[in-house]
């Protein structure tokens, strides 16, 4: 079945805080698209705010083709807040998980959780196993997820 199971979050714990656990879930495709779109809009908003006079004063590049630098950080393609909004569903802290308390996570933990959510939601053809026409539950092929 190609429906995402929101009832059984994947439990993860950061190495620097082994007594803490977090429940993560798979994102439905509109949630993942939203996380990418929010990031894209944010990037464009930054560029729109740059004064044109400042842009004109910047040095220009040579006509020689430049290699486009790419990042290996999966968070560069997604909005962290949106990933945490949809992907983080529980934690072991004494305070209840709410939108407000979610924003109190320290930077290191928030970014680690964001990367874990992206990893959980990254499917290669091999990992997905070409589920077309099969009735198996797709959560069985989740990278680093529970195996039955």
Protein backbone atom coordinates (compact mmCIF):
# COMPACT_ATOMS: atom_id res chain seq x y z
CA UNK A 1 0.00 0.00 0.00
CA UNK A 2 1.37 3.42 -0.90
CA UNK A 3 -0.29 5.26 1.97
CA UNK A 4 1.89 6.76 4.66
CA UNK A 5 1.39 5.38 8.16
CA UNK A 6 1.25 8.29 10.61
CA UNK A 7 0.40 6.02 13.53
CA UNK A 8 3.86 4.50 14.07
CA UNK A 9 6.64 7.09 14.29
CA UNK A 10 10.26 6.05 13.90
CA UNK A 11 12.17 6.60 17.16
CA UNK A 12 15.60 8.26 16.97
CA UNK A 13 18.08 9.50 19.60
CA UNK A 14 20.99 11.88 19.09
CA UNK A 15 24.40 10.53 20.11
CA UNK A 16 25.06 13.54 22.38
CA UNK A 17 21.80 13.03 24.31
CA UNK A 18 21.15 9.27 24.44
CA UNK A 19 18.36 9.58 27.02
CA UNK A 20 16.30 11.76 24.69
CA UNK A 21 14.18 10.19 22.00
CA UNK A 22 12.20 11.72 19.17
CA UNK A 23 9.37 10.27 17.11
CA UNK A 24 9.63 11.05 13.41
CA UNK A 25 7.19 10.23 10.67
CA UNK A 26 7.22 10.04 6.93
CA UNK A 27 6.01 13.12 5.09
CA UNK A 28 3.19 12.96 2.59
CA UNK A 29 4.19 14.38 -0.79
CA UNK A 30 2.40 17.76 -0.27
CA UNK A 31 4.25 18.23 3.03
CA UNK A 32 7.62 17.54 1.44
CA UNK A 33 6.77 19.86 -1.48
CA UNK A 34 5.77 22.57 1.00
CA UNK A 35 9.09 22.27 2.84
CA UNK A 36 10.93 22.73 -0.47
CA UNK A 37 8.68 25.61 -1.61
CA UNK A 38 9.03 27.51 1.67
CA UNK A 39 12.82 27.26 1.34
CA UNK A 40 12.71 28.46 -2.28
CA UNK A 41 10.43 31.40 -1.45
CA UNK A 42 12.68 32.36 1.45
CA UNK A 43 15.73 32.36 -0.82
CA UNK A 44 13.97 34.54 -3.40
CA UNK A 45 12.77 36.93 -0.69
CA UNK A 46 16.35 37.47 0.41
CA UNK A 47 17.41 38.28 -3.15
CA UNK A 48 14.47 40.66 -3.64
CA UNK A 49 15.56 42.62 -0.57
CA UNK A 50 19.04 43.35 -1.92
CA UNK A 51 19.47 46.95 -3.01
CA UNK A 52 20.04 47.12 -6.81
CA UNK A 53 22.85 49.66 -6.30
CA UNK A 54 24.68 47.17 -4.10
CA UNK A 55 24.20 44.43 -6.70
CA UNK A 56 25.59 46.73 -9.43
CA UNK A 57 28.67 47.49 -7.29
CA UNK A 58 29.55 43.83 -6.82
CA UNK A 59 32.42 42.56 -8.96
CA UNK A 60 31.36 40.65 -12.04
CA UNK A 61 32.58 37.19 -12.85
CA UNK A 62 34.82 36.38 -15.76
CA UNK A 63 33.17 35.12 -18.90
CA UNK A 64 34.76 31.72 -18.26
CA UNK A 65 32.22 29.12 -17.14
CA UNK A 66 32.21 28.56 -13.42
CA UNK A 67 31.53 25.34 -11.62
CA UNK A 68 28.31 25.59 -9.68
CA UNK A 69 28.95 24.75 -6.07
CA UNK A 70 26.52 22.30 -4.59
CA UNK A 71 26.05 21.39 -0.99
CA UNK A 72 25.94 17.93 0.49
CA UNK A 73 23.71 19.17 3.31
CA UNK A 74 20.16 17.93 2.69
CA UNK A 75 18.78 20.85 4.71
CA UNK A 76 19.80 23.26 1.97
CA UNK A 77 16.79 22.13 -0.06
CA UNK A 78 14.18 22.28 2.70
CA UNK A 79 12.78 24.70 5.25
CA UNK A 80 13.76 23.36 8.67
CA UNK A 81 10.66 24.69 10.45
CA UNK A 82 8.36 22.99 7.95
CA UNK A 83 10.23 19.69 8.23
CA UNK A 84 9.94 19.79 12.02
CA UNK A 85 6.29 20.85 11.88
CA UNK A 86 5.27 17.80 9.88
CA UNK A 87 7.99 15.27 10.69
CA UNK A 88 8.55 15.61 14.46
CA UNK A 89 5.55 14.08 16.22
CA UNK A 90 6.81 13.15 19.70
CA UNK A 91 9.69 13.50 22.12
CA UNK A 92 10.71 12.18 25.51
CA UNK A 93 11.05 15.58 27.20
CA UNK A 94 8.74 16.40 30.11
CA UNK A 95 7.31 19.42 28.30
CA UNK A 96 4.51 18.70 25.85
CA UNK A 97 5.43 18.90 22.17
CA UNK A 98 3.64 21.95 20.74
CA UNK A 99 4.44 24.48 18.01
CA UNK A 100 5.80 26.76 20.71
CA UNK A 101 7.98 24.16 22.44
CA UNK A 102 9.19 22.79 19.09
CA UNK A 103 10.74 26.21 18.48
CA UNK A 104 12.74 25.88 21.73
CA UNK A 105 14.97 23.12 20.35
CA UNK A 106 18.62 24.08 20.24
CA UNK A 107 20.14 24.62 16.80
CA UNK A 108 22.20 21.42 16.83
CA UNK A 109 19.26 19.18 17.71
CA UNK A 110 16.82 20.92 15.35
CA UNK A 111 19.18 20.57 12.39
CA UNK A 112 20.00 16.97 13.27
CA UNK A 113 16.28 16.17 13.42
CA UNK A 114 15.72 17.93 10.09
CA UNK A 115 18.44 15.82 8.47
CA UNK A 116 16.95 12.66 10.00
CA UNK A 117 13.53 13.57 8.60
CA UNK A 118 15.02 14.15 5.13
CA UNK A 119 16.92 10.86 5.36
CA UNK A 120 13.77 9.04 6.45
CA UNK A 121 11.93 10.50 3.46
CA UNK A 122 14.64 9.90 0.85
CA UNK A 123 13.87 6.99 -1.40
CA UNK A 124 16.12 5.50 -4.01
CA UNK A 125 14.71 3.16 -6.61
CA UNK A 126 16.53 0.30 -4.89
CA UNK A 127 15.15 1.15 -1.42
CA UNK A 128 11.62 1.63 -2.68
CA UNK A 129 11.85 -1.71 -4.46
CA UNK A 130 9.48 -0.60 -7.21
CA UNK A 131 6.23 -0.95 -5.27
CA UNK A 132 4.14 -0.41 -8.38
CA UNK A 133 1.44 -3.08 -8.42
CA UNK A 134 2.50 -4.64 -5.12
CA UNK A 135 0.49 -4.73 -1.94
CA UNK A 136 3.43 -4.57 0.53
CA UNK A 137 3.46 -1.80 3.08
CA UNK A 138 6.01 0.81 1.93
CA UNK A 139 7.15 1.48 5.48
CA UNK A 140 9.07 -1.81 5.35
CA UNK A 141 11.50 -0.24 2.89
CA UNK A 142 12.05 2.97 4.84
CA UNK A 143 15.78 3.58 5.14
CA UNK A 144 16.81 3.02 8.78
CA UNK A 145 13.16 2.33 9.63
CA UNK A 146 11.69 -0.66 11.38
CA UNK A 147 12.01 -3.94 9.59
CA UNK A 148 9.43 -6.67 10.03
